[in-house]
Amino acid sequence: TNTRHYTLSLHDALPIYLEYAINLIMNLIPNIVLIFFFGDLLFNNEYIVDLLSKLFYPIINLLKLSDVSLISKSIIGGFYNEIVTIDLINKSVEYNIKFIIGILLVLKCTSLTTNIAYISSSSIEIDKKCFIIIFLERILLILLLYSIIYYFYIGYIM
């Protein structure tokens, strides 16, 4: 078979990409609305947040970080929305805890729920379970790296 390759001009390509973008947005908006609705219900329920945050207690205790509860709640809040996490921080929180929460927000890049909504609406085939595992691995690596740097800074590791 003889395959020919053609280069599309911007004039020809724009309608194709515009149609793809509109379809993606039309599929994405309902997913985001549902995620924000159910996420808001879940993450405004203190019992559920406390229950989920206890999953991270052993890891944070192992790393000997202070304020285990606040760090765990910020991780859980960050699954849904970074604004929820920022609202957890007040003036009485230690500087190093504010720093780790900020590092978690910045280095994990985006919330899990937003990415899952995009993956569900996109034609890109990505395994959601693998994506969630990678997301959790990223959080654990951030905590580990922060702990190592923090303990070097305060002189625990020599």
Protein backbone atom coordinates (compact mmCIF):
# COMPACT_ATOMS: atom_id res chain seq x y z
CA THR A 1 0.00 0.00 0.00
CA ASN A 2 1.10 3.50 -0.73
CA THR A 3 0.52 5.90 2.14
CA ARG A 4 0.50 9.60 1.53
CA HIS A 5 0.96 12.19 4.22
CA TYR A 6 -0.63 15.59 3.94
CA THR A 7 0.04 18.66 6.01
CA LEU A 8 -3.10 20.51 7.01
CA SER A 9 -3.12 24.26 6.83
CA LEU A 10 -4.28 26.20 9.86
CA HIS A 11 -7.46 27.00 7.95
CA ASP A 12 -8.19 23.28 7.47
CA ALA A 13 -7.05 22.09 10.90
CA LEU A 14 -8.82 24.70 13.03
CA PRO A 15 -12.36 23.33 12.51
CA ILE A 16 -11.18 19.81 13.37
CA TYR A 17 -9.51 20.88 16.63
CA LEU A 18 -12.31 23.28 17.49
CA GLU A 19 -14.87 20.48 17.14
CA TYR A 20 -12.71 18.21 19.34
CA ALA A 21 -12.36 20.96 21.96
CA ILE A 22 -16.09 21.66 22.02
CA ASN A 23 -16.90 17.95 22.38
CA LEU A 24 -14.37 17.61 25.19
CA ILE A 25 -15.80 20.61 27.04
CA MET A 26 -19.38 19.38 26.60
CA ASN A 27 -18.41 16.02 28.10
CA LEU A 28 -16.22 17.55 30.81
CA ILE A 29 -18.67 20.08 32.26
CA PRO A 30 -21.25 17.53 33.54
CA ASN A 31 -18.47 15.43 35.09
CA ILE A 32 -17.00 18.44 36.88
CA VAL A 33 -20.41 19.54 38.17
CA LEU A 34 -21.07 16.04 39.55
CA ILE A 35 -17.64 15.79 41.12
CA PHE A 36 -17.92 19.18 42.78
CA PHE A 37 -21.43 18.42 44.04
CA PHE A 38 -20.58 15.03 45.55
CA GLY A 39 -17.12 16.17 46.60
CA ASP A 40 -18.60 19.10 48.45
CA LEU A 41 -21.02 16.76 50.24
CA LEU A 42 -18.22 14.37 51.19
CA PHE A 43 -15.52 16.84 52.19
CA ASN A 44 -17.85 18.97 54.26
CA ASN A 45 -18.68 15.89 56.34
CA GLU A 46 -16.20 15.95 59.25
CA TYR A 47 -16.71 12.25 60.03
CA ILE A 48 -15.75 11.16 56.50
CA VAL A 49 -12.76 13.51 56.37
CA ASP A 50 -11.53 12.26 59.77
CA LEU A 51 -11.99 8.65 58.71
CA LEU A 52 -10.12 9.09 55.42
CA SER A 53 -7.37 11.19 56.95
CA LYS A 54 -6.55 8.40 59.44
CA LEU A 55 -5.26 6.38 56.48
CA PHE A 56 -2.23 8.71 56.37
CA TYR A 57 -1.55 8.77 60.14
CA PRO A 58 0.91 5.82 60.15
CA ILE A 59 2.99 7.31 57.35
CA ILE A 60 3.09 10.80 58.85
CA ASN A 61 3.88 9.37 62.31
CA LEU A 62 6.66 7.25 60.79
CA LEU A 63 8.18 10.42 59.30
CA LYS A 64 7.89 12.07 62.75
CA LEU A 65 6.09 15.14 61.45
CA SER A 66 4.11 17.21 63.92
CA ASP A 67 0.38 17.94 63.64
CA VAL A 68 -0.48 14.62 62.00
CA SER A 69 -4.18 15.42 61.93
CA LEU A 70 -3.80 18.70 60.02
CA ILE A 71 -1.37 17.25 57.47
CA SER A 72 -3.67 14.25 56.90
CA LYS A 73 -6.73 16.46 56.50
CA SER A 74 -4.84 18.67 54.05
CA ILE A 75 -3.95 15.62 51.95
CA ILE A 76 -7.58 14.47 51.91
CA GLY A 77 -8.81 18.00 51.18
CA GLY A 78 -6.29 18.26 48.35
CA PHE A 79 -7.87 15.25 46.64
CA TYR A 80 -10.95 17.35 46.12
CA ASN A 81 -9.91 20.98 45.98
CA GLU A 82 -6.83 22.94 47.03
CA ILE A 83 -8.97 25.79 48.41
CA VAL A 84 -10.34 23.39 51.03
CA THR A 85 -6.77 22.71 52.12
CA ILE A 86 -5.80 26.36 52.27
CA ASP A 87 -8.80 27.01 54.52
CA LEU A 88 -7.35 24.56 57.07
CA ILE A 89 -4.33 26.77 57.70
CA ASN A 90 -4.66 29.51 60.29
CA LYS A 91 -2.23 31.77 62.12
CA SER A 92 -1.68 29.35 65.01
CA VAL A 93 -0.29 26.59 62.78
CA GLU A 94 3.48 26.06 63.02
CA TYR A 95 5.56 27.44 60.17
CA ASN A 96 6.90 24.02 59.11
CA ILE A 97 3.34 22.61 58.89
CA LYS A 98 2.28 25.57 56.72
CA PHE A 99 5.33 24.86 54.58
CA ILE A 100 4.61 21.12 54.09
CA ILE A 101 0.98 21.84 53.21
CA GLY A 102 2.13 24.44 50.69
CA ILE A 103 4.68 22.01 49.23
CA LEU A 104 1.99 19.32 48.93
CA LEU A 105 -0.32 21.73 47.12
CA VAL A 106 2.32 22.91 44.68
CA LEU A 107 4.14 19.65 43.89
CA LYS A 108 1.14 17.40 43.41
CA CYS A 109 0.14 19.84 40.65
CA THR A 110 -3.64 19.45 40.65
CA SER A 111 -6.49 17.80 42.47
CA LEU A 112 -7.33 14.18 41.89
CA THR A 113 -10.99 14.87 41.17
CA THR A 114 -10.25 17.36 38.39
CA ASN A 115 -7.93 14.91 36.67
CA ILE A 116 -10.40 12.03 36.95
CA ALA A 117 -13.10 14.24 35.38
CA TYR A 118 -10.79 15.13 32.52
CA ILE A 119 -9.71 11.51 31.96
CA SER A 120 -13.35 10.37 31.90
CA SER A 121 -14.23 12.98 29.27
CA SER A 122 -11.16 12.56 27.12
CA SER A 123 -10.53 10.08 24.35
CA ILE A 124 -7.14 9.37 25.90
CA GLU A 125 -7.12 5.90 27.42
CA ILE A 126 -5.65 6.06 30.91
CA ASP A 127 -6.32 3.47 33.59
CA LYS A 128 -7.98 5.36 36.47
CA LYS A 129 -6.72 2.92 39.11
CA CYS A 130 -3.13 3.40 37.96
CA PHE A 131 -3.64 7.15 37.91
CA ILE A 132 -4.91 7.15 41.52
CA ILE A 133 -1.99 4.97 42.64
CA ILE A 134 0.49 7.30 40.94
CA PHE A 135 -1.22 10.28 42.57
CA LEU A 136 -0.87 8.66 46.01
CA GLU A 137 2.76 7.74 45.30
CA ARG A 138 3.45 11.38 44.44
CA ILE A 139 2.04 12.49 47.80
CA LEU A 140 4.08 9.90 49.69
CA LEU A 141 7.27 10.92 47.86
CA ILE A 142 6.61 14.58 48.65
CA LEU A 143 6.19 13.74 52.35
CA LEU A 144 9.35 11.63 52.37
CA LEU A 145 11.47 14.26 50.60
CA TYR A 146 10.15 17.00 52.85
CA SER A 147 10.98 14.92 55.94
CA ILE A 148 14.53 14.27 54.76
CA ILE A 149 15.13 17.94 54.00
CA TYR A 150 13.48 19.05 57.25
CA TYR A 151 15.54 16.65 59.38
CA PHE A 152 18.74 17.73 57.64
CA TYR A 153 17.75 21.31 58.38
CA ILE A 154 17.10 20.74 62.06
CA GLY A 155 20.11 18.45 62.43
CA TYR A 156 18.56 15.03 63.08
CA ILE A 157 20.41 13.29 60.25
CA MET A 158 24.18 13.47 60.10
